[in-house]
Amino acid sequence: MAFIDIIEPEEATGNLKEIYKELEEKRGKLARIHKIQSLNPDTIVKHIDLYMSIMFSKSPLSRAQREMIAVVVSAVNDCEYCQLHHGEALNHYWKDRKRVEQLRANYNKVDLNNVDKRLCQLAKDLTLNPNSIDERKYITPLKNTGLSDRGILDAVLVISYFNFVNRLVLGLGVKADEKEVQGYKY
C-alpha cells in the first residue's frame, strides 16, 4: 500500500481518466508508478515524455543497454519495483532470466563486454557517490571503448532518471508486484 492516496482508474475523471486510458492503450496496462502521481496528473504526462525520450529515442546505446543501466541503478538503490519492471524489460532483449538476476545481484559476475561493464560501473558509482565521477576514471575509458559523447550523455541521463524514479517509488511506498511487471509492450 502506498504512503499517499492514489486515484484508481475506475475512480478517475476528466484529464486523469484520459491519461490513464491513453497509457493503457499504448503500454498495455497501467503501472503503479503512474498511479502514484494521480493527484497531480500533469506530472504523469511529463514523466512519460521524459521516460520515452530517455529510454526509447534513437541513441548510440541499445535498448538493452539502457534497461541494463536501469536495473543496476535500481539494484544499487534497492528499489525492487524498478528492478522487477526493468529486469523484465531487459529479459525481453537478453532472453536469459538467470543472467538478469545475476545482474541484479552483482553485475561484476555477469559476462558483459567492456563497454557494458564500464556503463554498469558508472551507474553504480554515480548513484552511490555522484561527486566521485572523474573524467579520467570513467569518461575517458568509455570513449576509448568507442562510445561517443552522445552515448555517454545518454548513459548519464538513464542513470539520473532512474535515481529520480527510484526515489519516487521508495519515497512514496510503491510496492512491487510480480504480476504487474508482465504484459507491457516493449
C-alpha atoms as a PDB file:
ATOM      1  CA  MET A   1       0.000   0.000   0.000  1.00  0.00           C
ATOM      2  CA  ALA A   2       1.356   3.398  -0.982  1.00  0.00           C
ATOM      3  CA  PHE A   3       2.061   6.076   1.612  1.00  0.00           C
ATOM      4  CA  ILE A   4      -0.321   8.539  -0.081  1.00  0.00           C
ATOM      5  CA  ASP A   5      -3.765   8.327  -1.640  1.00  0.00           C
ATOM      6  CA  ILE A   6      -3.977   7.366  -5.287  1.00  0.00           C
ATOM      7  CA  ILE A   7      -6.836   7.595  -7.725  1.00  0.00           C
ATOM      8  CA  GLU A   8      -7.599   4.234  -9.295  1.00  0.00           C
ATOM      9  CA  PRO A   9      -8.686   4.083 -12.957  1.00  0.00           C
ATOM     10  CA  GLU A  10     -12.305   3.344 -12.075  1.00  0.00           C
ATOM     11  CA  GLU A  11     -12.377   6.493  -9.884  1.00  0.00           C
ATOM     12  CA  ALA A  12     -10.589   8.761 -12.375  1.00  0.00           C
ATOM     13  CA  THR A  13     -12.383  11.619 -14.075  1.00  0.00           C
ATOM     14  CA  GLY A  14     -11.511  14.303 -16.605  1.00  0.00           C
ATOM     15  CA  ASN A  15      -7.887  14.657 -17.667  1.00  0.00           C
ATOM     16  CA  LEU A  16      -6.670  11.859 -15.387  1.00  0.00           C
ATOM     17  CA  LYS A  17      -9.158   9.424 -16.885  1.00  0.00           C
ATOM     18  CA  GLU A  18      -7.909  10.309 -20.378  1.00  0.00           C
ATOM     19  CA  ILE A  19      -4.271   9.938 -19.309  1.00  0.00           C
ATOM     20  CA  TYR A  20      -4.975   6.525 -17.804  1.00  0.00           C
ATOM     21  CA  LYS A  21      -6.860   5.409 -20.924  1.00  0.00           C
ATOM     22  CA  GLU A  22      -4.036   6.504 -23.237  1.00  0.00           C
ATOM     23  CA  LEU A  23      -1.397   4.773 -21.096  1.00  0.00           C
ATOM     24  CA  GLU A  24      -3.351   1.531 -21.067  1.00  0.00           C
ATOM     25  CA  GLU A  25      -3.761   1.672 -24.850  1.00  0.00           C
ATOM     26  CA  LYS A  26      -0.096   2.464 -25.561  1.00  0.00           C
ATOM     27  CA  ARG A  27       1.603   0.349 -22.894  1.00  0.00           C
ATOM     28  CA  GLY A  28      -0.863  -2.485 -22.487  1.00  0.00           C
ATOM     29  CA  LYS A  29      -1.565  -1.681 -18.848  1.00  0.00           C
ATOM     30  CA  LEU A  30      -1.223   0.989 -16.185  1.00  0.00           C
ATOM     31  CA  ALA A  31       1.792   0.881 -13.865  1.00  0.00           C
ATOM     32  CA  ARG A  32       1.778   1.849 -10.203  1.00  0.00           C
ATOM     33  CA  ILE A  33       4.490   4.452 -10.884  1.00  0.00           C
ATOM     34  CA  HIS A  34       1.863   6.330 -12.904  1.00  0.00           C
ATOM     35  CA  LYS A  35      -0.953   5.892 -10.414  1.00  0.00           C
ATOM     36  CA  ILE A  36       1.214   7.205  -7.557  1.00  0.00           C
ATOM     37  CA  GLN A  37       1.234  10.543  -9.407  1.00  0.00           C
ATOM     38  CA  SER A  38      -2.548  10.603  -9.874  1.00  0.00           C
ATOM     39  CA  LEU A  39      -3.057  13.546  -7.511  1.00  0.00           C
ATOM     40  CA  ASN A  40      -1.013  15.652  -9.954  1.00  0.00           C
ATOM     41  CA  PRO A  41      -1.899  14.283 -13.433  1.00  0.00           C
ATOM     42  CA  ASP A  42       0.309  16.733 -15.349  1.00  0.00           C
ATOM     43  CA  THR A  43       3.361  15.071 -13.799  1.00  0.00           C
ATOM     44  CA  ILE A  44       2.316  11.731 -15.271  1.00  0.00           C
ATOM     45  CA  VAL A  45       2.374  13.162 -18.790  1.00  0.00           C
ATOM     46  CA  LYS A  46       5.683  14.955 -18.335  1.00  0.00           C
ATOM     47  CA  HIS A  47       7.160  11.890 -16.636  1.00  0.00           C
ATOM     48  CA  ILE A  48       6.129   9.661 -19.559  1.00  0.00           C
ATOM     49  CA  ASP A  49       7.552  12.153 -22.062  1.00  0.00           C
ATOM     50  CA  LEU A  50      10.904  12.155 -20.257  1.00  0.00           C
ATOM     51  CA  TYR A  51      10.886   8.360 -19.904  1.00  0.00           C
ATOM     52  CA  MET A  52      10.101   7.831 -23.578  1.00  0.00           C
ATOM     53  CA  SER A  53      12.800  10.267 -24.658  1.00  0.00           C
ATOM     54  CA  ILE A  54      15.491   8.740 -22.447  1.00  0.00           C
ATOM     55  CA  MET A  55      14.598   5.077 -22.862  1.00  0.00           C
ATOM     56  CA  PHE A  56      13.130   4.783 -26.381  1.00  0.00           C
ATOM     57  CA  SER A  57      14.530   7.557 -28.576  1.00  0.00           C
ATOM     58  CA  LYS A  58      17.330   6.988 -31.060  1.00  0.00           C
ATOM     59  CA  SER A  59      20.589   6.594 -29.176  1.00  0.00           C
ATOM     60  CA  PRO A  60      24.082   5.140 -29.516  1.00  0.00           C
ATOM     61  CA  LEU A  61      23.025   2.983 -26.551  1.00  0.00           C
ATOM     62  CA  SER A  62      20.867  -0.005 -27.357  1.00  0.00           C
ATOM     63  CA  ARG A  63      17.544  -0.505 -25.614  1.00  0.00           C
ATOM     64  CA  ALA A  64      19.118  -3.449 -23.778  1.00  0.00           C
ATOM     65  CA  GLN A  65      21.975  -1.275 -22.520  1.00  0.00           C
ATOM     66  CA  ARG A  66      19.534   1.324 -21.220  1.00  0.00           C
ATOM     67  CA  GLU A  67      17.477  -1.337 -19.446  1.00  0.00           C
ATOM     68  CA  MET A  68      20.700  -2.859 -18.062  1.00  0.00           C
ATOM     69  CA  ILE A  69      21.675   0.517 -16.602  1.00  0.00           C
ATOM     70  CA  ALA A  70      18.172   0.907 -15.152  1.00  0.00           C
ATOM     71  CA  VAL A  71      18.483  -2.454 -13.406  1.00  0.00           C
ATOM     72  CA  VAL A  72      21.925  -1.650 -11.993  1.00  0.00           C
ATOM     73  CA  VAL A  73      20.847   1.742 -10.626  1.00  0.00           C
ATOM     74  CA  SER A  74      17.713   0.215  -9.147  1.00  0.00           C
ATOM     75  CA  ALA A  75      19.696  -2.633  -7.574  1.00  0.00           C
ATOM     76  CA  VAL A  76      22.152  -0.183  -6.017  1.00  0.00           C
ATOM     77  CA  ASN A  77      19.208   1.785  -4.605  1.00  0.00           C
ATOM     78  CA  ASP A  78      17.463  -1.432  -3.511  1.00  0.00           C
ATOM     79  CA  CYS A  79      14.364  -0.433  -5.474  1.00  0.00           C
ATOM     80  CA  GLU A  80      12.657  -3.778  -6.027  1.00  0.00           C
ATOM     81  CA  TYR A  81       9.821  -2.207  -8.036  1.00  0.00           C
ATOM     82  CA  CYS A  82      12.142  -0.842 -10.726  1.00  0.00           C
ATOM     83  CA  GLN A  83      14.396  -3.913 -10.618  1.00  0.00           C
ATOM     84  CA  LEU A  84      11.410  -6.113 -11.415  1.00  0.00           C
ATOM     85  CA  HIS A  85       9.966  -3.840 -14.097  1.00  0.00           C
ATOM     86  CA  HIS A  86      13.218  -3.159 -15.884  1.00  0.00           C
ATOM     87  CA  GLY A  87      14.571  -6.632 -15.284  1.00  0.00           C
ATOM     88  CA  GLU A  88      11.519  -7.888 -17.170  1.00  0.00           C
ATOM     89  CA  ALA A  89      12.205  -5.366 -19.944  1.00  0.00           C
ATOM     90  CA  LEU A  90      15.881  -6.367 -20.081  1.00  0.00           C
ATOM     91  CA  ASN A  91      14.916 -10.031 -20.252  1.00  0.00           C
ATOM     92  CA  HIS A  92      12.832  -9.149 -23.306  1.00  0.00           C
ATOM     93  CA  TYR A  93      16.175  -8.385 -25.024  1.00  0.00           C
ATOM     94  CA  TRP A  94      18.587 -10.750 -23.274  1.00  0.00           C
ATOM     95  CA  LYS A  95      16.155 -13.685 -23.122  1.00  0.00           C
ATOM     96  CA  ASP A  96      18.100 -15.032 -20.148  1.00  0.00           C
ATOM     97  CA  ARG A  97      16.310 -14.565 -16.837  1.00  0.00           C
ATOM     98  CA  LYS A  98      19.219 -16.073 -14.866  1.00  0.00           C
ATOM     99  CA  ARG A  99      21.612 -13.519 -16.338  1.00  0.00           C
ATOM    100  CA  VAL A 100      19.206 -10.694 -15.438  1.00  0.00           C
ATOM    101  CA  GLU A 101      19.024 -11.999 -11.859  1.00  0.00           C
ATOM    102  CA  GLN A 102      22.833 -12.130 -11.736  1.00  0.00           C
ATOM    103  CA  LEU A 103      22.939  -8.509 -12.921  1.00  0.00           C
ATOM    104  CA  ARG A 104      20.591  -7.536 -10.098  1.00  0.00           C
ATOM    105  CA  ALA A 105      22.752  -9.353  -7.548  1.00  0.00           C
ATOM    106  CA  ASN A 106      26.205  -8.283  -8.789  1.00  0.00           C
ATOM    107  CA  TYR A 107      26.908  -7.016 -12.285  1.00  0.00           C
ATOM    108  CA  ASN A 108      30.596  -7.925 -11.851  1.00  0.00           C
ATOM    109  CA  LYS A 109      29.647 -11.602 -12.003  1.00  0.00           C
ATOM    110  CA  VAL A 110      27.823 -11.259 -15.325  1.00  0.00           C
ATOM    111  CA  ASP A 111      29.607 -11.900 -18.615  1.00  0.00           C
ATOM    112  CA  LEU A 112      29.498  -8.398 -20.108  1.00  0.00           C
ATOM    113  CA  ASN A 113      31.559  -6.743 -22.801  1.00  0.00           C
ATOM    114  CA  ASN A 114      33.943  -3.938 -21.839  1.00  0.00           C
ATOM    115  CA  VAL A 115      31.518  -1.120 -22.696  1.00  0.00           C
ATOM    116  CA  ASP A 116      28.691  -2.658 -20.669  1.00  0.00           C
ATOM    117  CA  LYS A 117      30.978  -3.302 -17.678  1.00  0.00           C
ATOM    118  CA  ARG A 118      32.056   0.329 -17.725  1.00  0.00           C
ATOM    119  CA  LEU A 119      28.458   1.517 -18.075  1.00  0.00           C
ATOM    120  CA  CYS A 120      27.482  -0.584 -15.061  1.00  0.00           C
ATOM    121  CA  GLN A 121      30.385   0.791 -13.025  1.00  0.00           C
ATOM    122  CA  LEU A 122      29.404   4.345 -13.938  1.00  0.00           C
ATOM    123  CA  ALA A 123      25.786   3.585 -12.994  1.00  0.00           C
ATOM    124  CA  LYS A 124      26.840   2.222  -9.608  1.00  0.00           C
ATOM    125  CA  ASP A 125      29.318   4.954  -8.741  1.00  0.00           C
ATOM    126  CA  LEU A 126      27.249   7.885  -9.999  1.00  0.00           C
ATOM    127  CA  THR A 127      24.359   6.531  -7.928  1.00  0.00           C
ATOM    128  CA  LEU A 128      26.338   5.937  -4.743  1.00  0.00           C
ATOM    129  CA  ASN A 129      28.723   8.867  -4.863  1.00  0.00           C
ATOM    130  CA  PRO A 130      27.973  11.370  -7.622  1.00  0.00           C
ATOM    131  CA  ASN A 131      30.814  13.629  -6.536  1.00  0.00           C
ATOM    132  CA  SER A 132      33.345  10.851  -7.224  1.00  0.00           C
ATOM    133  CA  ILE A 133      32.964  10.850 -11.001  1.00  0.00           C
ATOM    134  CA  ASP A 134      36.303  11.675 -12.534  1.00  0.00           C
ATOM    135  CA  GLU A 135      36.769  12.157 -16.265  1.00  0.00           C
ATOM    136  CA  ARG A 136      39.950  10.046 -16.442  1.00  0.00           C
ATOM    137  CA  LYS A 137      38.477   7.151 -14.448  1.00  0.00           C
ATOM    138  CA  TYR A 138      35.020   6.976 -16.046  1.00  0.00           C
ATOM    139  CA  ILE A 139      34.549   9.077 -19.165  1.00  0.00           C
ATOM    140  CA  THR A 140      37.853   8.629 -20.992  1.00  0.00           C
ATOM    141  CA  PRO A 141      37.741   4.807 -20.702  1.00  0.00           C
ATOM    142  CA  LEU A 142      34.198   4.840 -22.129  1.00  0.00           C
ATOM    143  CA  LYS A 143      35.402   6.988 -25.019  1.00  0.00           C
ATOM    144  CA  ASN A 144      38.318   4.599 -25.520  1.00  0.00           C
ATOM    145  CA  THR A 145      35.830   1.735 -25.984  1.00  0.00           C
ATOM    146  CA  GLY A 146      34.336   3.684 -28.877  1.00  0.00           C
ATOM    147  CA  LEU A 147      31.330   5.097 -27.054  1.00  0.00           C
ATOM    148  CA  SER A 148      30.527   8.561 -28.366  1.00  0.00           C
ATOM    149  CA  ASP A 149      29.906  11.638 -26.261  1.00  0.00           C
ATOM    150  CA  ARG A 150      26.207  11.265 -27.093  1.00  0.00           C
ATOM    151  CA  GLY A 151      26.306   7.691 -25.795  1.00  0.00           C
ATOM    152  CA  ILE A 152      27.909   8.888 -22.570  1.00  0.00           C
ATOM    153  CA  LEU A 153      25.308  11.636 -22.222  1.00  0.00           C
ATOM    154  CA  ASP A 154      22.534   9.110 -22.757  1.00  0.00           C
ATOM    155  CA  ALA A 155      24.045   6.789 -20.127  1.00  0.00           C
ATOM    156  CA  VAL A 156      24.142   9.601 -17.571  1.00  0.00           C
ATOM    157  CA  LEU A 157      20.564  10.539 -18.467  1.00  0.00           C
ATOM    158  CA  VAL A 158      19.405   6.960 -17.825  1.00  0.00           C
ATOM    159  CA  ILE A 159      21.335   6.828 -14.546  1.00  0.00           C
ATOM    160  CA  SER A 160      19.947  10.158 -13.401  1.00  0.00           C
ATOM    161  CA  TYR A 161      16.406   9.324 -14.457  1.00  0.00           C
ATOM    162  CA  PHE A 162      16.377   6.053 -12.547  1.00  0.00           C
ATOM    163  CA  ASN A 163      17.777   7.675  -9.441  1.00  0.00           C
ATOM    164  CA  PHE A 164      14.825  10.079  -9.663  1.00  0.00           C
ATOM    165  CA  VAL A 165      12.272   7.314 -10.225  1.00  0.00           C
ATOM    166  CA  ASN A 166      13.744   5.057  -7.530  1.00  0.00           C
ATOM    167  CA  ARG A 167      13.338   7.889  -5.045  1.00  0.00           C
ATOM    168  CA  LEU A 168       9.769   8.494  -6.158  1.00  0.00           C
ATOM    169  CA  VAL A 169       8.967   4.793  -5.711  1.00  0.00           C
ATOM    170  CA  LEU A 170      10.793   4.391  -2.404  1.00  0.00           C
ATOM    171  CA  GLY A 171       9.703   7.760  -1.013  1.00  0.00           C
ATOM    172  CA  LEU A 172       6.010   7.083  -1.630  1.00  0.00           C
ATOM    173  CA  GLY A 173       5.916   3.373  -0.850  1.00  0.00           C
ATOM    174  CA  VAL A 174       5.169   1.989  -4.296  1.00  0.00           C
ATOM    175  CA  LYS A 175       5.317  -1.784  -3.900  1.00  0.00           C
ATOM    176  CA  ALA A 176       6.428  -4.333  -6.439  1.00  0.00           C
ATOM    177  CA  ASP A 177       4.060  -6.952  -7.736  1.00  0.00           C
ATOM    178  CA  GLU A 178       5.397  -9.806  -9.889  1.00  0.00           C
ATOM    179  CA  LYS A 179       2.083  -9.922 -11.771  1.00  0.00           C
ATOM    180  CA  GLU A 180       2.184  -6.229 -12.619  1.00  0.00           C
ATOM    181  CA  VAL A 181       5.557  -6.381 -14.367  1.00  0.00           C
ATOM    182  CA  GLN A 182       4.400  -8.730 -17.110  1.00  0.00           C
ATOM    183  CA  GLY A 183       2.462  -7.832 -20.221  1.00  0.00           C
ATOM    184  CA  TYR A 184       3.879  -4.434 -21.127  1.00  0.00           C
ATOM    185  CA  LYS A 185       4.557  -3.516 -24.741  1.00  0.00           C
ATOM    186  CA  TYR A 186       8.266  -3.082 -25.436  1.00  0.00           C
END
